[in-house]
Amino acid sequence: MVASLLNLALTAVVKDIQLHEDVLKCLPHYIKSKCLNMMSKRGLLTDSNLPLVLHPNVISLDLTESSVTDVGVAAVAVCRRLQKIDLNAIKGTRTNITYQGLSVVFQSCKLLRTVHLRRCSQVNDDCVEVLAMNCPHLSSLNISGCTEVTDQALECLSINCRTIQSLDLSRTKITDDGIALLTDSHNATTLKEVNISNCPHISDVAVQCLVLSCPRINILVFHGCPMVTDRCRETVLTHNRMANFKQLTWTVY
């Protein structure tokens, strides 16, 4: 298919984005959205140009390929209809995304449902707390590799968010107590996917809580947890919903 004149023009602008930053802010929203999508896929979004292509009607934002800091992230606060933000680190870790930038976004974008923060190493309990306090409709949260996250974060989620379906808590400092808080809340009836891999303080107790208390769970991953023993095998394998699982992965030590 022959590309439209509009797409050809936008491709040319994006290719030399630094030469055109002064006009980006004046573009109509639907043109900004196209630019935002192209720049996102090519990893061209920065602290300086991101505010120029953002607008209040943005619903989803992928910053995985782009190098932004708290300055750029804070600019996302203008997107009050935002439902998804992806800040996952593709390689290594992100050290320049902290509470300072995330708190601004979470307090402004109260319709957020999906938040991905994998390997954002500066994300801690305070970040999760401000998210939970301001975004009650949260459905999916990925904080894998956020090694400063503890049970305090799970307590905030269990109290303030009642519709969580997917949680990736791998490589965090959570314990059995945090999982117990989560499965003793409204989220016990909504959780479908949970990843608690490589959590050194997780034991058979947490696995049993998830399997026995969450009737809709169908993806459960808990490999690399040194405190998990063969004792959890009976709970998992004899559970009468075993046939409903789509993925079940674990390591027994």
Protein backbone atom coordinates (compact mmCIF):
# COMPACT_ATOMS: atom_id res chain seq x y z
CA MET A 1 0.00 0.00 0.00
CA VAL A 2 1.13 3.53 -0.74
CA ALA A 3 1.63 5.58 2.41
CA SER A 4 -0.57 8.63 2.80
CA LEU A 5 0.92 12.07 2.36
CA LEU A 6 0.24 12.73 6.05
CA ASN A 7 2.19 9.66 7.19
CA LEU A 8 5.05 10.48 4.85
CA ALA A 9 5.19 14.00 6.24
CA LEU A 10 5.07 12.79 9.86
CA THR A 11 7.78 10.23 9.18
CA ALA A 12 10.00 12.99 7.81
CA VAL A 13 9.31 15.17 10.84
CA VAL A 14 10.00 12.37 13.31
CA LYS A 15 13.20 11.40 11.54
CA ASP A 16 14.64 14.84 12.23
CA ILE A 17 12.62 15.59 15.33
CA GLN A 18 15.14 17.99 16.83
CA LEU A 19 14.68 20.35 13.89
CA HIS A 20 10.92 20.51 14.37
CA GLU A 21 10.44 20.59 18.15
CA ASP A 22 9.41 24.24 18.01
CA VAL A 23 6.29 23.45 15.95
CA LEU A 24 5.16 20.25 17.70
CA LYS A 25 3.30 22.09 20.41
CA CYS A 26 1.04 23.82 17.88
CA LEU A 27 -0.17 20.62 16.20
CA PRO A 28 -3.79 19.43 16.69
CA HIS A 29 -4.32 16.52 19.06
CA TYR A 30 -4.87 13.85 16.41
CA ILE A 31 -1.59 14.77 14.72
CA LYS A 32 0.19 14.80 18.07
CA SER A 33 -1.13 11.30 18.74
CA LYS A 34 0.38 10.04 15.51
CA CYS A 35 3.70 11.68 16.32
CA LEU A 36 3.60 10.29 19.83
CA ASN A 37 3.03 6.78 18.53
CA MET A 38 5.86 6.98 15.99
CA MET A 39 8.30 8.51 18.46
CA SER A 40 7.39 5.95 21.11
CA LYS A 41 8.08 2.98 18.82
CA ARG A 42 11.41 4.45 17.77
CA GLY A 43 12.51 5.38 21.28
CA LEU A 44 12.74 9.08 20.41
CA LEU A 45 10.78 10.52 23.30
CA THR A 46 12.83 12.65 25.69
CA ASP A 47 12.25 15.00 28.60
CA SER A 48 12.27 17.94 26.19
CA ASN A 49 10.00 16.72 23.39
CA LEU A 50 7.55 14.54 25.34
CA PRO A 51 5.60 17.52 26.77
CA LEU A 52 5.21 18.88 23.23
CA VAL A 53 3.29 15.85 21.91
CA LEU A 54 1.26 15.00 24.99
CA HIS A 55 -2.35 16.15 25.25
CA PRO A 56 -5.34 15.53 27.54
CA ASN A 57 -6.86 12.82 25.32
CA VAL A 58 -3.95 10.40 25.49
CA ILE A 59 -5.21 7.06 26.87
CA SER A 60 -2.13 4.83 26.56
CA LEU A 61 1.56 5.70 26.74
CA ASP A 62 4.53 3.41 26.08
CA LEU A 63 7.89 4.79 27.24
CA THR A 64 9.78 1.49 27.34
CA GLU A 65 12.08 2.38 24.46
CA SER A 66 12.59 6.01 25.39
CA SER A 67 15.06 7.62 27.77
CA VAL A 68 13.04 9.81 30.07
CA THR A 69 13.56 10.92 33.66
CA ASP A 70 11.27 12.28 36.36
CA VAL A 71 11.08 15.51 34.37
CA GLY A 72 9.47 13.82 31.38
CA VAL A 73 7.31 11.53 33.48
CA ALA A 74 5.88 14.45 35.45
CA ALA A 75 4.75 16.01 32.16
CA VAL A 76 2.41 13.04 31.67
CA ALA A 77 0.16 14.55 34.35
CA VAL A 78 -1.57 16.53 31.61
CA CYS A 79 -3.08 13.25 30.30
CA ARG A 80 -5.97 13.05 32.75
CA ARG A 81 -7.72 10.33 30.71
CA LEU A 82 -4.65 8.08 30.76
CA GLN A 83 -5.49 4.44 31.44
CA LYS A 84 -2.13 2.75 30.76
CA ILE A 85 1.49 3.76 31.25
CA ASP A 86 4.40 1.45 30.49
CA LEU A 87 7.79 2.36 31.94
CA ASN A 88 9.27 -1.13 31.93
CA ALA A 89 13.05 -1.22 31.59
CA ILE A 90 13.87 -3.23 28.47
CA LYS A 91 17.53 -3.69 29.38
CA GLY A 92 19.18 -3.23 32.76
CA THR A 93 17.37 -0.98 35.22
CA ARG A 94 15.88 2.49 35.26
CA THR A 95 17.38 4.59 38.02
CA ASN A 96 16.02 7.98 37.00
CA ILE A 97 12.32 7.23 37.55
CA THR A 98 11.44 7.92 41.18
CA TYR A 99 8.64 8.98 43.51
CA GLN A 100 9.19 12.57 42.47
CA GLY A 101 7.93 12.02 38.94
CA LEU A 102 5.54 9.13 39.49
CA SER A 103 3.63 10.80 42.32
CA VAL A 104 2.75 13.72 40.04
CA VAL A 105 1.34 11.35 37.43
CA PHE A 106 -0.57 9.13 39.85
CA GLN A 107 -2.21 12.10 41.58
CA SER A 108 -3.37 13.54 38.27
CA CYS A 109 -4.19 10.47 36.16
CA LYS A 110 -6.81 8.86 38.38
CA LEU A 111 -8.22 6.62 35.61
CA LEU A 112 -5.07 4.51 35.38
CA ARG A 113 -5.78 0.80 35.09
CA THR A 114 -2.45 -0.60 33.88
CA VAL A 115 0.92 0.45 35.29
CA HIS A 116 4.18 -1.25 34.32
CA LEU A 117 7.32 -0.34 36.27
CA ARG A 118 9.51 -3.42 35.80
CA ARG A 119 13.10 -2.89 36.96
CA CYS A 120 12.53 0.74 37.91
CA SER A 121 14.90 0.31 40.81
CA GLN A 122 13.94 3.50 42.65
CA VAL A 123 10.27 2.51 42.92
CA ASN A 124 9.43 1.84 46.57
CA ASP A 125 6.45 1.47 48.90
CA ASP A 126 5.74 5.21 48.76
CA CYS A 127 5.33 5.02 44.98
CA VAL A 128 2.87 2.14 45.23
CA GLU A 129 1.01 3.86 48.05
CA VAL A 130 0.39 7.06 46.07
CA LEU A 131 -0.72 4.92 43.13
CA ALA A 132 -3.15 2.92 45.25
CA MET A 133 -4.52 6.00 47.01
CA ASN A 134 -5.28 7.84 43.77
CA CYS A 135 -6.05 5.12 41.19
CA PRO A 136 -8.75 2.87 42.68
CA HIS A 137 -9.53 1.22 39.32
CA LEU A 138 -6.04 -0.29 39.01
CA SER A 139 -6.27 -3.65 37.27
CA SER A 140 -2.71 -4.59 36.31
CA LEU A 141 0.53 -3.71 38.09
CA ASN A 142 4.05 -4.85 37.22
CA ILE A 143 6.69 -3.94 39.80
CA SER A 144 9.03 -6.83 39.06
CA GLY A 145 12.60 -6.03 40.07
CA CYS A 146 11.57 -3.10 42.26
CA THR A 147 13.67 -4.41 45.11
CA GLU A 148 12.61 -1.76 47.63
CA VAL A 149 8.95 -2.83 47.57
CA THR A 150 7.73 -4.60 50.73
CA ASP A 151 4.49 -5.77 52.35
CA GLN A 152 3.59 -2.14 53.02
CA ALA A 153 2.84 -1.75 49.32
CA LEU A 154 0.57 -4.80 49.31
CA GLU A 155 -1.29 -3.48 52.33
CA CYS A 156 -2.03 -0.22 50.48
CA LEU A 157 -3.21 -2.12 47.41
CA SER A 158 -5.44 -4.42 49.45
CA ILE A 159 -7.16 -1.47 51.14
CA ASN A 160 -7.56 0.96 48.25
CA CYS A 161 -7.75 -1.10 45.04
CA ARG A 162 -10.55 -3.64 44.66
CA THR A 163 -10.29 -4.70 41.02
CA ILE A 164 -6.73 -5.96 40.60
CA GLN A 165 -6.47 -8.82 38.12
CA SER A 166 -2.76 -9.05 37.36
CA LEU A 167 0.21 -8.57 39.70
CA ASP A 168 3.89 -9.13 38.96
CA LEU A 169 5.69 -8.92 42.31
CA SER A 170 8.76 -10.93 41.36
CA ARG A 171 12.15 -9.93 42.76
CA THR A 172 10.67 -7.76 45.51
CA LYS A 173 10.89 -7.97 49.33
CA ILE A 174 7.31 -9.10 49.91
CA THR A 175 6.58 -11.89 52.40
CA ASP A 176 3.79 -14.32 53.23
CA ASP A 177 2.16 -11.63 55.38
CA GLY A 178 1.79 -9.30 52.41
CA ILE A 179 0.20 -12.00 50.25
CA ALA A 180 -2.14 -12.88 53.12
CA LEU A 181 -3.29 -9.25 53.30
CA LEU A 182 -3.94 -9.25 49.57
CA THR A 183 -5.89 -12.52 49.53
CA ASP A 184 -7.94 -11.41 52.54
CA SER A 185 -9.23 -8.40 50.61
CA HIS A 186 -11.66 -7.83 47.74
CA ASN A 187 -8.83 -8.70 45.37
CA ALA A 188 -9.18 -12.37 46.27
CA THR A 189 -12.19 -12.51 43.93
CA THR A 190 -10.57 -10.54 41.08
CA LEU A 191 -6.98 -11.82 40.88
CA LYS A 192 -6.24 -13.88 37.77
CA GLU A 193 -2.48 -13.63 37.32
CA VAL A 194 0.22 -13.49 40.01
CA ASN A 195 4.00 -13.72 39.67
CA ILE A 196 5.98 -13.96 42.93
CA SER A 197 9.14 -15.50 41.44
CA ASN A 198 12.53 -14.90 43.05
CA CYS A 199 11.04 -13.50 46.25
CA PRO A 200 13.35 -14.87 48.97
CA HIS A 201 10.84 -14.35 51.81
CA ILE A 202 7.92 -16.20 50.16
CA SER A 203 7.08 -19.69 51.43
CA ASP A 204 4.43 -22.40 51.04
CA VAL A 205 2.04 -20.24 53.07
CA ALA A 206 1.81 -17.57 50.38
CA VAL A 207 1.23 -20.16 47.66
CA GLN A 208 -1.54 -21.78 49.65
CA CYS A 209 -3.20 -18.41 50.25
CA LEU A 210 -3.25 -17.65 46.53
CA VAL A 211 -4.44 -21.09 45.41
CA LEU A 212 -7.11 -21.56 48.07
CA SER A 213 -8.39 -17.98 48.40
CA CYS A 214 -8.44 -16.74 44.79
CA PRO A 215 -11.08 -18.65 42.79
CA ARG A 216 -10.31 -16.93 39.47
CA ILE A 217 -6.53 -17.28 39.46
CA ASN A 218 -5.28 -19.13 36.39
CA ILE A 219 -1.67 -18.00 36.07
CA LEU A 220 0.63 -18.51 39.05
CA VAL A 221 4.42 -18.33 38.84
CA PHE A 222 6.63 -18.78 41.91
CA HIS A 223 9.90 -20.27 40.77
CA GLY A 224 13.16 -19.25 42.41
CA CYS A 225 11.68 -18.91 45.92
CA PRO A 226 14.12 -20.74 48.24
CA MET A 227 11.61 -21.05 51.11
CA VAL A 228 9.07 -22.93 48.98
CA THR A 229 9.18 -26.66 49.71
CA ASP A 230 7.60 -29.81 48.38
CA ARG A 231 4.79 -29.28 50.89
CA CYS A 232 3.03 -26.87 48.52
CA ARG A 233 2.88 -29.52 45.79
CA GLU A 234 -0.10 -31.25 47.37
CA THR A 235 -2.03 -28.00 47.66
CA VAL A 236 -1.38 -27.09 44.05
CA LEU A 237 -1.83 -30.48 42.40
CA THR A 238 -4.90 -31.60 44.34
CA HIS A 239 -6.75 -28.34 44.06
CA ASN A 240 -10.02 -28.94 42.24
CA ARG A 241 -9.45 -26.00 39.86
CA MET A 242 -6.18 -27.39 38.58
CA ALA A 243 -7.62 -27.91 35.10
CA ASN A 244 -8.42 -24.20 34.81
CA PHE A 245 -4.81 -23.05 35.11
CA LYS A 246 -3.26 -21.61 31.97
CA GLN A 247 0.23 -21.41 33.46
CA LEU A 248 1.68 -22.87 36.63
CA THR A 249 5.43 -22.67 37.20
CA TRP A 250 7.42 -23.25 40.36
CA THR A 251 10.64 -24.55 41.84
CA VAL A 252 10.80 -26.84 44.87
CA TYR A 253 13.89 -26.69 47.07
